[in-house]
Amino acid sequence: MFWNAKNGRVDLNGGTMPYVSFGTGPKTLIILPGLSDGLATVEGKALLLAKPYAPYFHDFTIYMFSRIDPLPDDHSIRNMVADQAAALQALGVERAFVLGVSQGGMIAQQLAIDHPELVEKLVLAVTAPCVNDVILSCVPNWMDMAERGDHKALMIDTAERSYSPAHLKKYRKMYPLLSFVGRPKTYDRFLANARAILSFDATAELPKIACSTLILGGEEDRIVGPAASHALADLIPNSTFHLYPGLGHAAYEEAGDFYERVFSFLQTHN
């Protein structure tokens, strides 16, 4: 099949790492998702997740990874990077292009710092180099909602902070259903991911990133803030920077040219 969609798990010390893959190209693209991975992993969703990347399939074989399962309560971003490097080694991936979104962008930054030999090019979308006031305005509140089991409040606050007003007009019609959609059996995994965000700070090490880097953010981002994208661009030497006007944290969903822009960057010679 052209999409070559697959679901799999990599065995690691202490657990397994779920992943999906699609595409048949000679180059490898690694995708690292955000905090939502704490609510639902990518496991079994290869066909569902593949569609936006269809234009990439001739050039890339794409892997999208979840965090290790089970996820230890005190697992840091750096621990997640060690897991990711071990998973790539287990799959025989020696060097890859890496796209990290939100918390996945934090993991991607640290991967490029700790394992520069693994990263050909780096794309950082709606992410931050460290915890900031904008992150502190939402993540601890989400943790409180999760600890109370208030799934509806968690989903509504995430949506309100992520999407543009135009998108929210349509999305708000679904709010009565959000108590039932995507509720995990336990919020332990979500809380462990959130704690890792709150202890993250790569600021001092970002100048070590030598690979070509594309930074994409939203001017109205209410989860990491637009200043986070500016900070990444200032600190990473070989970087290109774009802020989407009028869009927030969900710019990767709402911007019509997001995947085209990423693909163009990945295909451009250094």
C-alpha atoms as a PDB file:
ATOM      1  CA  MET A   1       0.000   0.000   0.000  1.00  0.00           C
ATOM      2  CA  PHE A   2       1.271   3.482  -0.906  1.00  0.00           C
ATOM      3  CA  TRP A   3       0.693   4.814   2.605  1.00  0.00           C
ATOM      4  CA  ASN A   4       2.420   1.781   4.131  1.00  0.00           C
ATOM      5  CA  ALA A   5       0.713   2.599   7.445  1.00  0.00           C
ATOM      6  CA  LYS A   6       1.891   0.502  10.390  1.00  0.00           C
ATOM      7  CA  ASN A   7       1.385   0.356  14.161  1.00  0.00           C
ATOM      8  CA  GLY A   8       4.155  -0.881  16.425  1.00  0.00           C
ATOM      9  CA  ARG A   9       5.951  -0.838  19.763  1.00  0.00           C
ATOM     10  CA  VAL A  10       9.642  -0.678  20.583  1.00  0.00           C
ATOM     11  CA  ASP A  11      10.833  -2.689  23.579  1.00  0.00           C
ATOM     12  CA  LEU A  12      12.964  -0.603  25.946  1.00  0.00           C
ATOM     13  CA  ASN A  13      14.321  -1.179  29.423  1.00  0.00           C
ATOM     14  CA  GLY A  14      11.421  -0.521  31.770  1.00  0.00           C
ATOM     15  CA  GLY A  15       8.647  -0.487  29.166  1.00  0.00           C
ATOM     16  CA  THR A  16       7.687  -0.149  25.528  1.00  0.00           C
ATOM     17  CA  MET A  17       7.289   2.865  23.267  1.00  0.00           C
ATOM     18  CA  PRO A  18       4.216   2.927  20.979  1.00  0.00           C
ATOM     19  CA  TYR A  19       4.650   4.330  17.485  1.00  0.00           C
ATOM     20  CA  VAL A  20       2.957   4.555  14.124  1.00  0.00           C
ATOM     21  CA  SER A  21       4.690   4.784  10.769  1.00  0.00           C
ATOM     22  CA  PHE A  22       3.677   5.645   7.230  1.00  0.00           C
ATOM     23  CA  GLY A  23       5.305   6.519   3.917  1.00  0.00           C
ATOM     24  CA  THR A  24       7.925   4.750   1.829  1.00  0.00           C
ATOM     25  CA  GLY A  25      10.580   7.403   1.247  1.00  0.00           C
ATOM     26  CA  PRO A  26      14.341   6.928   1.749  1.00  0.00           C
ATOM     27  CA  LYS A  27      14.632   9.682   4.379  1.00  0.00           C
ATOM     28  CA  THR A  28      13.311   9.373   7.929  1.00  0.00           C
ATOM     29  CA  LEU A  29      11.081  11.926   9.653  1.00  0.00           C
ATOM     30  CA  ILE A  30      10.387  11.617  13.381  1.00  0.00           C
ATOM     31  CA  ILE A  31       7.300  13.338  14.830  1.00  0.00           C
ATOM     32  CA  LEU A  32       6.963  13.981  18.559  1.00  0.00           C
ATOM     33  CA  PRO A  33       3.485  15.055  19.748  1.00  0.00           C
ATOM     34  CA  GLY A  34       2.554  17.316  22.645  1.00  0.00           C
ATOM     35  CA  LEU A  35       0.966  16.936  26.071  1.00  0.00           C
ATOM     36  CA  SER A  36      -2.143  15.328  24.584  1.00  0.00           C
ATOM     37  CA  ASP A  37      -0.019  12.177  24.384  1.00  0.00           C
ATOM     38  CA  GLY A  38      -0.620  11.945  28.123  1.00  0.00           C
ATOM     39  CA  LEU A  39      -4.331  11.390  27.469  1.00  0.00           C
ATOM     40  CA  ALA A  40      -4.125   9.041  24.481  1.00  0.00           C
ATOM     41  CA  THR A  41      -1.100   7.465  22.807  1.00  0.00           C
ATOM     42  CA  VAL A  42      -0.664   7.028  19.054  1.00  0.00           C
ATOM     43  CA  GLU A  43      -1.114   3.273  19.368  1.00  0.00           C
ATOM     44  CA  GLY A  44      -3.394   1.825  16.676  1.00  0.00           C
ATOM     45  CA  LYS A  45      -3.932   5.198  14.965  1.00  0.00           C
ATOM     46  CA  ALA A  46      -1.602   4.925  11.955  1.00  0.00           C
ATOM     47  CA  LEU A  47      -4.287   5.470   9.318  1.00  0.00           C
ATOM     48  CA  LEU A  48      -5.942   8.243  11.328  1.00  0.00           C
ATOM     49  CA  LEU A  49      -2.693  10.194  11.812  1.00  0.00           C
ATOM     50  CA  ALA A  50      -1.180   9.656   8.359  1.00  0.00           C
ATOM     51  CA  LYS A  51      -3.409  11.858   6.187  1.00  0.00           C
ATOM     52  CA  PRO A  52      -1.779  15.305   6.717  1.00  0.00           C
ATOM     53  CA  TYR A  53       1.600  13.827   5.785  1.00  0.00           C
ATOM     54  CA  ALA A  54       0.504  12.195   2.522  1.00  0.00           C
ATOM     55  CA  PRO A  55       2.550  14.676   0.384  1.00  0.00           C
ATOM     56  CA  TYR A  56       5.661  13.490   2.269  1.00  0.00           C
ATOM     57  CA  PHE A  57       5.252   9.773   1.543  1.00  0.00           C
ATOM     58  CA  HIS A  58       7.470   9.519  -1.577  1.00  0.00           C
ATOM     59  CA  ASP A  59      10.369  11.256   0.155  1.00  0.00           C
ATOM     60  CA  PHE A  60      10.041  10.153   3.780  1.00  0.00           C
ATOM     61  CA  THR A  61       9.310   7.208   5.966  1.00  0.00           C
ATOM     62  CA  ILE A  62       7.606   8.826   8.941  1.00  0.00           C
ATOM     63  CA  TYR A  63       7.512   7.649  12.552  1.00  0.00           C
ATOM     64  CA  MET A  64       5.294   9.262  15.183  1.00  0.00           C
ATOM     65  CA  PHE A  65       6.158   8.234  18.736  1.00  0.00           C
ATOM     66  CA  SER A  66       4.401   8.287  22.078  1.00  0.00           C
ATOM     67  CA  ARG A  67       6.304   8.438  25.353  1.00  0.00           C
ATOM     68  CA  ILE A  68       7.368   5.210  27.017  1.00  0.00           C
ATOM     69  CA  ASP A  69       4.639   3.055  28.552  1.00  0.00           C
ATOM     70  CA  PRO A  70       4.386   2.885  31.514  1.00  0.00           C
ATOM     71  CA  LEU A  71       5.614   6.447  32.024  1.00  0.00           C
ATOM     72  CA  PRO A  72       7.359   6.934  35.385  1.00  0.00           C
ATOM     73  CA  ASP A  73       5.979   9.724  37.567  1.00  0.00           C
ATOM     74  CA  ASP A  74       9.338  11.525  37.723  1.00  0.00           C
ATOM     75  CA  HIS A  75      10.350  11.114  34.060  1.00  0.00           C
ATOM     76  CA  SER A  76      12.048  14.317  32.854  1.00  0.00           C
ATOM     77  CA  ILE A  77      12.295  15.644  29.301  1.00  0.00           C
ATOM     78  CA  ARG A  78      15.888  14.429  29.298  1.00  0.00           C
ATOM     79  CA  ASN A  79      14.720  10.934  30.312  1.00  0.00           C
ATOM     80  CA  MET A  80      12.257  11.044  27.408  1.00  0.00           C
ATOM     81  CA  VAL A  81      15.113  11.973  25.085  1.00  0.00           C
ATOM     82  CA  ALA A  82      17.118   8.960  26.267  1.00  0.00           C
ATOM     83  CA  ASP A  83      14.073   6.765  25.558  1.00  0.00           C
ATOM     84  CA  GLN A  84      13.707   8.308  22.099  1.00  0.00           C
ATOM     85  CA  ALA A  85      17.362   7.767  21.205  1.00  0.00           C
ATOM     86  CA  ALA A  86      17.123   4.140  22.337  1.00  0.00           C
ATOM     87  CA  ALA A  87      13.965   3.638  20.257  1.00  0.00           C
ATOM     88  CA  LEU A  88      15.627   5.019  17.131  1.00  0.00           C
ATOM     89  CA  GLN A  89      18.593   2.728  17.678  1.00  0.00           C
ATOM     90  CA  ALA A  90      16.265  -0.259  18.090  1.00  0.00           C
ATOM     91  CA  LEU A  91      14.554   0.616  14.792  1.00  0.00           C
ATOM     92  CA  GLY A  92      17.874   1.043  13.005  1.00  0.00           C
ATOM     93  CA  VAL A  93      17.430   4.791  12.431  1.00  0.00           C
ATOM     94  CA  GLU A  94      20.886   6.367  12.353  1.00  0.00           C
ATOM     95  CA  ARG A  95      19.881   9.920  11.411  1.00  0.00           C
ATOM     96  CA  ALA A  96      16.517  11.620  10.981  1.00  0.00           C
ATOM     97  CA  PHE A  97      14.638  14.833  10.403  1.00  0.00           C
ATOM     98  CA  VAL A  98      12.722  15.708  13.577  1.00  0.00           C
ATOM     99  CA  LEU A  99       9.448  17.611  14.047  1.00  0.00           C
ATOM    100  CA  GLY A 100       8.398  18.344  17.632  1.00  0.00           C
ATOM    101  CA  VAL A 101       5.083  19.985  18.535  1.00  0.00           C
ATOM    102  CA  SER A 102       4.528  21.716  21.910  1.00  0.00           C
ATOM    103  CA  GLN A 103       5.933  19.358  24.572  1.00  0.00           C
ATOM    104  CA  GLY A 104       7.242  17.251  21.698  1.00  0.00           C
ATOM    105  CA  GLY A 105       9.221  20.326  20.669  1.00  0.00           C
ATOM    106  CA  MET A 106      10.873  20.354  24.074  1.00  0.00           C
ATOM    107  CA  ILE A 107      11.913  16.738  23.583  1.00  0.00           C
ATOM    108  CA  ALA A 108      13.102  17.553  20.052  1.00  0.00           C
ATOM    109  CA  GLN A 109      15.275  20.449  21.291  1.00  0.00           C
ATOM    110  CA  GLN A 110      16.905  18.271  23.911  1.00  0.00           C
ATOM    111  CA  LEU A 111      17.393  15.442  21.417  1.00  0.00           C
ATOM    112  CA  ALA A 112      19.313  17.794  19.105  1.00  0.00           C
ATOM    113  CA  ILE A 113      21.420  18.917  22.082  1.00  0.00           C
ATOM    114  CA  ASP A 114      22.147  15.497  23.582  1.00  0.00           C
ATOM    115  CA  HIS A 115      22.345  13.499  20.328  1.00  0.00           C
ATOM    116  CA  PRO A 116      23.315  15.839  17.481  1.00  0.00           C
ATOM    117  CA  GLU A 117      24.432  12.825  15.441  1.00  0.00           C
ATOM    118  CA  LEU A 118      20.789  11.704  15.204  1.00  0.00           C
ATOM    119  CA  VAL A 119      19.245  14.951  13.942  1.00  0.00           C
ATOM    120  CA  GLU A 120      19.599  16.064  10.320  1.00  0.00           C
ATOM    121  CA  LYS A 121      17.155  18.980  10.549  1.00  0.00           C
ATOM    122  CA  LEU A 122      14.858  20.208  13.288  1.00  0.00           C
ATOM    123  CA  VAL A 123      11.347  21.690  13.236  1.00  0.00           C
ATOM    124  CA  LEU A 124      10.025  23.215  16.469  1.00  0.00           C
ATOM    125  CA  ALA A 125       6.329  24.074  16.427  1.00  0.00           C
ATOM    126  CA  VAL A 126       4.469  26.052  19.113  1.00  0.00           C
ATOM    127  CA  THR A 127       7.008  25.174  21.785  1.00  0.00           C
ATOM    128  CA  ALA A 128       9.271  26.891  24.321  1.00  0.00           C
ATOM    129  CA  PRO A 129      12.887  26.707  25.503  1.00  0.00           C
ATOM    130  CA  CYS A 130      11.816  26.631  29.159  1.00  0.00           C
ATOM    131  CA  VAL A 131       8.895  27.114  31.507  1.00  0.00           C
ATOM    132  CA  ASN A 132       7.532  30.662  31.332  1.00  0.00           C
ATOM    133  CA  ASP A 133       4.663  32.647  32.824  1.00  0.00           C
ATOM    134  CA  VAL A 134       2.268  31.666  30.029  1.00  0.00           C
ATOM    135  CA  ILE A 135       2.924  27.959  30.603  1.00  0.00           C
ATOM    136  CA  LEU A 136       2.519  28.479  34.350  1.00  0.00           C
ATOM    137  CA  SER A 137      -0.862  30.125  33.732  1.00  0.00           C
ATOM    138  CA  CYS A 138      -2.307  26.913  32.299  1.00  0.00           C
ATOM    139  CA  VAL A 139      -0.382  23.679  32.951  1.00  0.00           C
ATOM    140  CA  PRO A 140      -0.754  23.662  36.779  1.00  0.00           C
ATOM    141  CA  ASN A 141      -4.487  24.368  36.324  1.00  0.00           C
ATOM    142  CA  TRP A 142      -4.757  21.444  33.902  1.00  0.00           C
ATOM    143  CA  MET A 143      -3.021  19.233  36.435  1.00  0.00           C
ATOM    144  CA  ASP A 144      -5.566  20.278  39.058  1.00  0.00           C
ATOM    145  CA  MET A 145      -8.447  19.479  36.673  1.00  0.00           C
ATOM    146  CA  ALA A 146      -6.891  16.079  35.915  1.00  0.00           C
ATOM    147  CA  GLU A 147      -6.432  15.291  39.606  1.00  0.00           C
ATOM    148  CA  ARG A 148     -10.127  16.126  40.155  1.00  0.00           C
ATOM    149  CA  GLY A 149     -11.113  14.019  37.145  1.00  0.00           C
ATOM    150  CA  ASP A 150     -12.826  17.014  35.552  1.00  0.00           C
ATOM    151  CA  HIS A 151     -12.275  15.962  31.964  1.00  0.00           C
ATOM    152  CA  LYS A 152     -14.778  18.393  30.488  1.00  0.00           C
ATOM    153  CA  ALA A 153     -13.111  21.403  32.121  1.00  0.00           C
ATOM    154  CA  LEU A 154      -9.691  20.170  30.971  1.00  0.00           C
ATOM    155  CA  MET A 155     -10.821  19.777  27.365  1.00  0.00           C
ATOM    156  CA  ILE A 156     -12.673  23.114  27.248  1.00  0.00           C
ATOM    157  CA  ASP A 157      -9.802  25.107  28.739  1.00  0.00           C
ATOM    158  CA  THR A 158      -7.334  23.447  26.360  1.00  0.00           C
ATOM    159  CA  ALA A 159      -9.552  24.282  23.372  1.00  0.00           C
ATOM    160  CA  GLU A 160     -10.161  27.878  24.470  1.00  0.00           C
ATOM    161  CA  ARG A 161      -6.429  28.430  24.830  1.00  0.00           C
ATOM    162  CA  SER A 162      -5.485  26.659  21.576  1.00  0.00           C
ATOM    163  CA  TYR A 163      -7.804  27.775  18.799  1.00  0.00           C
ATOM    164  CA  SER A 164      -8.620  31.005  17.020  1.00  0.00           C
ATOM    165  CA  PRO A 165     -11.998  32.702  17.646  1.00  0.00           C
ATOM    166  CA  ALA A 166     -13.223  31.629  14.187  1.00  0.00           C
ATOM    167  CA  HIS A 167     -12.432  27.975  14.888  1.00  0.00           C
ATOM    168  CA  LEU A 168     -13.935  28.129  18.372  1.00  0.00           C
ATOM    169  CA  LYS A 169     -17.302  29.245  17.002  1.00  0.00           C
ATOM    170  CA  LYS A 170     -17.637  25.802  15.415  1.00  0.00           C
ATOM    171  CA  TYR A 171     -15.828  23.822  18.115  1.00  0.00           C
ATOM    172  CA  ARG A 172     -17.911  25.138  21.030  1.00  0.00           C
ATOM    173  CA  LYS A 173     -20.928  23.213  19.733  1.00  0.00           C
ATOM    174  CA  MET A 174     -19.127  20.045  20.854  1.00  0.00           C
ATOM    175  CA  TYR A 175     -18.531  21.162  24.451  1.00  0.00           C
ATOM    176  CA  PRO A 176     -21.542  19.247  25.897  1.00  0.00           C
ATOM    177  CA  LEU A 177     -19.919  16.008  24.656  1.00  0.00           C
ATOM    178  CA  LEU A 178     -16.447  16.624  26.051  1.00  0.00           C
ATOM    179  CA  SER A 179     -17.096  14.877  29.366  1.00  0.00           C
ATOM    180  CA  PHE A 180     -17.252  11.601  27.458  1.00  0.00           C
ATOM    181  CA  VAL A 181     -14.807  11.969  24.568  1.00  0.00           C
ATOM    182  CA  GLY A 182     -11.191  10.914  25.093  1.00  0.00           C
ATOM    183  CA  ARG A 183     -11.409  10.398  28.848  1.00  0.00           C
ATOM    184  CA  PRO A 184      -8.514   8.157  29.941  1.00  0.00           C
ATOM    185  CA  LYS A 185      -8.838   5.408  32.543  1.00  0.00           C
ATOM    186  CA  THR A 186      -6.303   7.268  34.661  1.00  0.00           C
ATOM    187  CA  TYR A 187      -4.636  10.685  34.443  1.00  0.00           C
ATOM    188  CA  ASP A 188      -1.314   9.404  35.797  1.00  0.00           C
ATOM    189  CA  ARG A 189       0.346   9.552  32.385  1.00  0.00           C
ATOM    190  CA  PHE A 190      -0.949  13.059  31.699  1.00  0.00           C
ATOM    191  CA  LEU A 191       0.302  14.272  35.083  1.00  0.00           C
ATOM    192  CA  ALA A 192       3.751  12.744  34.545  1.00  0.00           C
ATOM    193  CA  ASN A 193       4.037  14.518  31.177  1.00  0.00           C
ATOM    194  CA  ALA A 194       2.896  17.801  32.726  1.00  0.00           C
ATOM    195  CA  ARG A 195       5.453  17.552  35.541  1.00  0.00           C
ATOM    196  CA  ALA A 196       8.186  17.053  32.937  1.00  0.00           C
ATOM    197  CA  ILE A 197       7.151  20.311  31.242  1.00  0.00           C
ATOM    198  CA  LEU A 198       7.309  22.246  34.509  1.00  0.00           C
ATOM    199  CA  SER A 199      10.906  21.181  35.145  1.00  0.00           C
ATOM    200  CA  PHE A 200      12.204  21.815  31.606  1.00  0.00           C
ATOM    201  CA  ASP A 201      14.855  24.417  30.794  1.00  0.00           C
ATOM    202  CA  ALA A 202      17.143  24.072  27.766  1.00  0.00           C
ATOM    203  CA  THR A 203      17.928  27.798  27.503  1.00  0.00           C
ATOM    204  CA  ALA A 204      21.639  27.574  28.298  1.00  0.00           C
ATOM    205  CA  GLU A 205      22.188  24.668  25.898  1.00  0.00           C
ATOM    206  CA  LEU A 206      20.243  25.817  22.839  1.00  0.00           C
ATOM    207  CA  PRO A 207      23.280  27.514  21.208  1.00  0.00           C
ATOM    208  CA  LYS A 208      24.755  24.003  20.938  1.00  0.00           C
ATOM    209  CA  ILE A 209      22.138  23.063  18.307  1.00  0.00           C
ATOM    210  CA  ALA A 210      24.079  23.058  15.047  1.00  0.00           C
ATOM    211  CA  CYS A 211      21.536  21.634  12.608  1.00  0.00           C
ATOM    212  CA  SER A 212      19.285  23.800  10.470  1.00  0.00           C
ATOM    213  CA  THR A 213      16.132  24.576  12.463  1.00  0.00           C
ATOM    214  CA  LEU A 214      12.675  25.869  11.525  1.00  0.00           C
ATOM    215  CA  ILE A 215      10.693  27.530  14.324  1.00  0.00           C
ATOM    216  CA  LEU A 216       6.927  27.989  13.877  1.00  0.00           C
ATOM    217  CA  GLY A 217       4.652  29.732  16.360  1.00  0.00           C
ATOM    218  CA  GLY A 218       1.351  31.544  16.716  1.00  0.00           C
ATOM    219  CA  GLU A 219       1.062  35.258  17.493  1.00  0.00           C
ATOM    220  CA  GLU A 220      -1.928  34.531  19.749  1.00  0.00           C
ATOM    221  CA  ASP A 221      -0.490  31.467  21.516  1.00  0.00           C
ATOM    222  CA  ARG A 222      -1.985  31.281  25.024  1.00  0.00           C
ATOM    223  CA  ILE A 223      -0.233  28.052  26.074  1.00  0.00           C
ATOM    224  CA  VAL A 224       3.478  28.751  25.512  1.00  0.00           C
ATOM    225  CA  GLY A 225       3.219  32.363  24.301  1.00  0.00           C
ATOM    226  CA  PRO A 226       4.655  33.950  21.131  1.00  0.00           C
ATOM    227  CA  ALA A 227       7.704  35.200  23.042  1.00  0.00           C
ATOM    228  CA  ALA A 228       8.799  31.558  23.394  1.00  0.00           C
ATOM    229  CA  SER A 229       9.211  31.276  19.614  1.00  0.00           C
ATOM    230  CA  HIS A 230      11.212  34.518  19.542  1.00  0.00           C
ATOM    231  CA  ALA A 231      13.457  33.170  22.306  1.00  0.00           C
ATOM    232  CA  LEU A 232      14.112  29.941  20.396  1.00  0.00           C
ATOM    233  CA  ALA A 233      14.998  31.921  17.260  1.00  0.00           C
ATOM    234  CA  ASP A 234      17.390  34.112  19.244  1.00  0.00           C
ATOM    235  CA  LEU A 235      19.129  31.173  20.916  1.00  0.00           C
ATOM    236  CA  ILE A 236      19.433  28.628  18.071  1.00  0.00           C
ATOM    237  CA  PRO A 237      22.153  29.827  15.680  1.00  0.00           C
ATOM    238  CA  ASN A 238      21.082  28.304  12.363  1.00  0.00           C
ATOM    239  CA  SER A 239      17.346  28.918  12.607  1.00  0.00           C
ATOM    240  CA  THR A 240      14.487  30.231  10.471  1.00  0.00           C
ATOM    241  CA  PHE A 241      11.467  31.723  12.200  1.00  0.00           C
ATOM    242  CA  HIS A 242       7.796  32.280  11.308  1.00  0.00           C
ATOM    243  CA  LEU A 243       4.860  33.425  13.463  1.00  0.00           C
ATOM    244  CA  TYR A 244       1.329  32.858  12.179  1.00  0.00           C
ATOM    245  CA  PRO A 245      -0.736  36.030  12.638  1.00  0.00           C
ATOM    246  CA  GLY A 246      -4.127  35.529  14.267  1.00  0.00           C
ATOM    247  CA  LEU A 247      -3.418  31.931  15.252  1.00  0.00           C
ATOM    248  CA  GLY A 248      -2.574  30.381  18.575  1.00  0.00           C
ATOM    249  CA  HIS A 249      -1.212  27.101  19.877  1.00  0.00           C
ATOM    250  CA  ALA A 250      -3.179  25.091  17.320  1.00  0.00           C
ATOM    251  CA  ALA A 251      -1.486  26.871  14.398  1.00  0.00           C
ATOM    252  CA  TYR A 252      -0.281  23.459  13.183  1.00  0.00           C
ATOM    253  CA  GLU A 253      -3.947  22.500  12.704  1.00  0.00           C
ATOM    254  CA  GLU A 254      -5.374  25.795  11.510  1.00  0.00           C
ATOM    255  CA  ALA A 255      -2.655  27.212   9.231  1.00  0.00           C
ATOM    256  CA  GLY A 256      -3.371  26.043   5.700  1.00  0.00           C
ATOM    257  CA  ASP A 257       0.305  26.064   4.746  1.00  0.00           C
ATOM    258  CA  PHE A 258       1.787  24.447   7.881  1.00  0.00           C
ATOM    259  CA  TYR A 259       2.591  21.045   6.378  1.00  0.00           C
ATOM    260  CA  GLU A 260       3.673  22.598   3.070  1.00  0.00           C
ATOM    261  CA  ARG A 261       5.992  24.995   4.889  1.00  0.00           C
ATOM    262  CA  VAL A 262       7.534  22.166   6.920  1.00  0.00           C
ATOM    263  CA  PHE A 263       7.953  19.967   3.841  1.00  0.00           C
ATOM    264  CA  SER A 264       9.627  22.768   1.894  1.00  0.00           C
ATOM    265  CA  PHE A 265      12.092  23.318   4.761  1.00  0.00           C
ATOM    266  CA  LEU A 266      12.875  19.612   5.042  1.00  0.00           C
ATOM    267  CA  GLN A 267      13.564  19.401   1.304  1.00  0.00           C
ATOM    268  CA  THR A 268      15.815  22.480   1.157  1.00  0.00           C
ATOM    269  CA  HIS A 269      19.540  21.829   1.226  1.00  0.00           C
ATOM    270  CA  ASN A 270      21.417  23.260   4.194  1.00  0.00           C
END
